[in-house]
């Protein structure tokens, strides 16, 4: 009886060991896949401008973003030729934020960087080199007469260059 009990115990221990090793091997095979998914999830789904701690996402509701940015130095409003309603522009130190109406809500339609005191979250500013732009954002873009056009989700990042230096940066919301 003792012999059978010992054999059953050994079989149980062996079974648990094999099961544990199988789980560990399976987890090891799955880890690269999980890591790849995590990397894909961490990739941005659109281009986003950042001022301080405030993310300015193209197409997002403007109210909370404008509140977080604080009082604009200047505000203007014109009839929009691109859509029904008004195009509103809010000027801050070094950049402008524009909004349009979408289904009765003001949304962020663009951000334009005005001077070298402001940069993209990735570090490109007025005066950066074309080589820096291509190194940071890559060559997977449209280029038209010195304008590098990067599209991601419902957003576009346009980087204007003259003589291989950045002289304009614009984020745009791409309407569907």
Protein backbone atom coordinates (compact mmCIF):
# COMPACT_ATOMS: atom_id res chain seq x y z
CA UNK A 1 0.00 0.00 0.00
CA UNK A 2 2.89 2.34 0.87
CA UNK A 3 4.47 1.57 -2.48
CA UNK A 4 1.30 2.47 -4.39
CA UNK A 5 0.89 5.65 -2.33
CA UNK A 6 4.50 6.67 -3.08
CA UNK A 7 4.04 5.90 -6.79
CA UNK A 8 0.85 7.99 -6.89
CA UNK A 9 2.62 10.85 -5.10
CA UNK A 10 5.55 10.69 -7.55
CA UNK A 11 3.16 10.58 -10.52
CA UNK A 12 1.30 13.58 -9.14
CA UNK A 13 4.55 15.53 -8.57
CA UNK A 14 5.77 14.60 -12.06
CA UNK A 15 2.43 15.64 -13.58
CA UNK A 16 2.50 18.99 -11.78
CA UNK A 17 6.10 19.55 -12.90
CA UNK A 18 5.28 18.79 -16.54
CA UNK A 19 2.18 21.00 -16.36
CA UNK A 20 4.22 23.85 -14.84
CA UNK A 21 6.91 23.54 -17.50
CA UNK A 22 4.25 23.53 -20.24
CA UNK A 23 2.66 26.69 -18.85
CA UNK A 24 6.06 28.39 -18.61
CA UNK A 25 6.95 27.39 -22.17
CA UNK A 26 3.57 28.58 -23.44
CA UNK A 27 3.96 31.90 -21.61
CA UNK A 28 7.46 32.28 -23.03
CA UNK A 29 6.13 31.80 -26.56
CA UNK A 30 3.28 34.22 -25.92
CA UNK A 31 5.46 36.93 -24.40
CA UNK A 32 6.82 38.29 -27.72
CA UNK A 33 3.27 38.40 -29.06
CA UNK A 34 2.04 40.21 -25.94
CA UNK A 35 5.01 42.57 -26.14
CA UNK A 36 4.18 43.32 -29.79
CA UNK A 37 0.55 44.05 -28.87
CA UNK A 38 1.65 46.33 -26.03
CA UNK A 39 3.97 48.20 -28.40
CA UNK A 40 1.15 48.61 -30.93
CA UNK A 41 -1.19 49.88 -28.20
CA UNK A 42 1.43 52.40 -27.08
CA UNK A 43 1.81 53.78 -30.61
CA UNK A 44 -0.20 56.94 -31.04
CA UNK A 45 -3.37 56.62 -33.08
CA UNK A 46 -3.12 60.23 -34.24
CA UNK A 47 -0.77 63.18 -34.10
CA UNK A 48 -1.29 65.27 -31.00
CA UNK A 49 0.15 68.64 -30.01
CA UNK A 50 1.08 69.20 -26.38
CA UNK A 51 1.32 72.45 -24.42
CA UNK A 52 2.55 71.87 -20.89
CA UNK A 53 0.43 69.01 -19.56
CA UNK A 54 -2.40 69.63 -22.02
CA UNK A 55 -2.78 67.31 -25.00
CA UNK A 56 -4.48 68.97 -27.95
CA UNK A 57 -5.97 66.12 -29.99
CA UNK A 58 -7.33 66.78 -33.44
CA UNK A 59 -11.10 66.28 -33.61
CA UNK A 60 -11.52 66.31 -29.81
CA UNK A 61 -14.13 68.45 -28.10
CA UNK A 62 -12.54 71.87 -27.69
CA UNK A 63 -14.15 73.13 -24.46
CA UNK A 64 -12.03 71.27 -21.89
CA UNK A 65 -8.83 71.65 -23.94
CA UNK A 66 -9.28 75.42 -24.28
CA UNK A 67 -10.03 75.68 -20.56
CA UNK A 68 -6.85 73.74 -19.74
CA UNK A 69 -4.78 75.95 -22.08
CA UNK A 70 -5.96 79.06 -20.24
CA UNK A 71 -6.98 82.46 -21.54
CA UNK A 72 -5.92 83.09 -25.12
CA UNK A 73 -3.94 86.23 -25.92
CA UNK A 74 -6.28 86.82 -28.87
CA UNK A 75 -9.45 85.25 -30.26
CA UNK A 76 -10.94 85.60 -33.73
CA UNK A 77 -13.91 84.17 -35.55
CA UNK A 78 -14.70 83.92 -39.27
CA UNK A 79 -17.22 82.05 -41.38
CA UNK A 80 -15.75 78.69 -42.31
CA UNK A 81 -15.48 77.86 -45.97
CA UNK A 82 -14.71 74.22 -45.14
CA UNK A 83 -17.85 73.52 -43.11
CA UNK A 84 -21.03 75.06 -41.77
CA UNK A 85 -20.54 77.53 -38.97
CA UNK A 86 -17.61 79.51 -37.64
CA UNK A 87 -13.89 78.91 -37.59
CA UNK A 88 -12.59 80.16 -34.25
CA UNK A 89 -8.89 80.79 -33.66
CA UNK A 90 -7.29 81.12 -30.23
CA UNK A 91 -3.79 82.62 -30.14
CA UNK A 92 -1.36 81.60 -27.38
CA UNK A 93 2.32 82.33 -26.96
CA UNK A 94 4.00 80.57 -29.88
CA UNK A 95 0.96 78.70 -31.30
CA UNK A 96 -2.65 78.97 -32.44
CA UNK A 97 -5.53 76.56 -31.96
CA UNK A 98 -8.50 76.60 -34.34
CA UNK A 99 -11.91 75.02 -33.84
CA UNK A 100 -14.86 74.23 -36.07
CA UNK A 101 -18.37 73.06 -35.27
CA UNK A 102 -19.25 69.41 -35.69
CA UNK A 103 -22.79 68.35 -34.84
CA UNK A 104 -23.23 71.40 -32.60
CA UNK A 105 -19.94 70.95 -30.70
CA UNK A 106 -16.74 72.92 -31.19
CA UNK A 107 -13.90 70.53 -31.99
CA UNK A 108 -10.17 71.07 -32.48
CA UNK A 109 -9.51 71.45 -36.22
CA UNK A 110 -5.89 72.61 -36.26
CA UNK A 111 -2.86 73.78 -34.35
CA UNK A 112 -0.25 75.99 -35.95
CA UNK A 113 3.15 76.50 -34.33
CA UNK A 114 4.22 80.11 -34.83
CA UNK A 115 7.80 80.36 -33.56
CA UNK A 116 10.80 78.43 -32.25
CA UNK A 117 9.71 78.73 -28.60
CA UNK A 118 7.23 75.88 -29.17
CA UNK A 119 8.00 72.40 -30.46
CA UNK A 120 6.22 69.17 -31.27
CA UNK A 121 6.22 66.56 -28.47
CA UNK A 122 8.95 64.80 -30.46
CA UNK A 123 11.18 67.92 -30.41
CA UNK A 124 10.78 69.49 -33.85
CA UNK A 125 10.50 73.30 -33.88
CA UNK A 126 10.86 76.21 -36.27
CA UNK A 127 14.52 76.14 -37.35
CA UNK A 128 14.95 72.35 -37.05
CA UNK A 129 16.60 70.69 -40.02
CA UNK A 130 14.84 68.60 -42.65
CA UNK A 131 17.17 65.75 -41.61
CA UNK A 132 15.87 65.98 -38.01
CA UNK A 133 12.29 65.79 -39.30
CA UNK A 134 13.03 62.69 -41.38
CA UNK A 135 15.00 61.07 -38.55
CA UNK A 136 12.21 61.61 -36.01
CA UNK A 137 9.07 61.12 -38.13
CA UNK A 138 10.52 58.89 -40.84
CA UNK A 139 10.44 58.93 -44.60
CA UNK A 140 6.96 57.41 -44.85
CA UNK A 141 5.30 60.67 -45.84
CA UNK A 142 4.19 62.68 -48.81
CA UNK A 143 6.57 65.43 -49.82
CA UNK A 144 5.40 68.33 -51.94
CA UNK A 145 7.77 71.23 -52.62
CA UNK A 146 9.36 71.16 -49.17
CA UNK A 147 6.19 70.28 -47.25
CA UNK A 148 6.37 66.93 -45.45
CA UNK A 149 2.90 65.51 -44.88
CA UNK A 150 2.46 62.78 -42.26
CA UNK A 151 -0.98 61.15 -41.80
CA UNK A 152 -2.07 59.15 -38.78
CA UNK A 153 -5.66 58.26 -37.97
CA UNK A 154 -7.86 61.34 -38.36
CA UNK A 155 -4.90 63.70 -38.16
CA UNK A 156 -2.21 65.11 -40.35
CA UNK A 157 1.09 66.72 -39.41
CA UNK A 158 2.42 69.13 -42.02
CA UNK A 159 5.99 70.31 -41.68
CA UNK A 160 6.96 73.16 -43.99
CA UNK A 161 10.61 73.64 -44.95
CA UNK A 162 12.58 76.21 -46.90
CA UNK A 163 16.27 75.67 -47.65
CA UNK A 164 16.12 72.41 -45.62
CA UNK A 165 14.99 74.20 -42.43
CA UNK A 166 11.56 73.98 -40.78
CA UNK A 167 9.63 77.23 -41.11
CA UNK A 168 6.12 76.02 -40.28
CA UNK A 169 4.39 73.20 -38.38
CA UNK A 170 0.68 72.49 -38.61
CA UNK A 171 -1.55 69.80 -37.13
CA UNK A 172 -4.85 69.20 -38.95
CA UNK A 173 -8.01 67.26 -38.23
CA UNK A 174 -9.05 65.20 -41.26
CA UNK A 175 -12.82 65.12 -41.52
CA UNK A 176 -14.35 61.91 -42.74
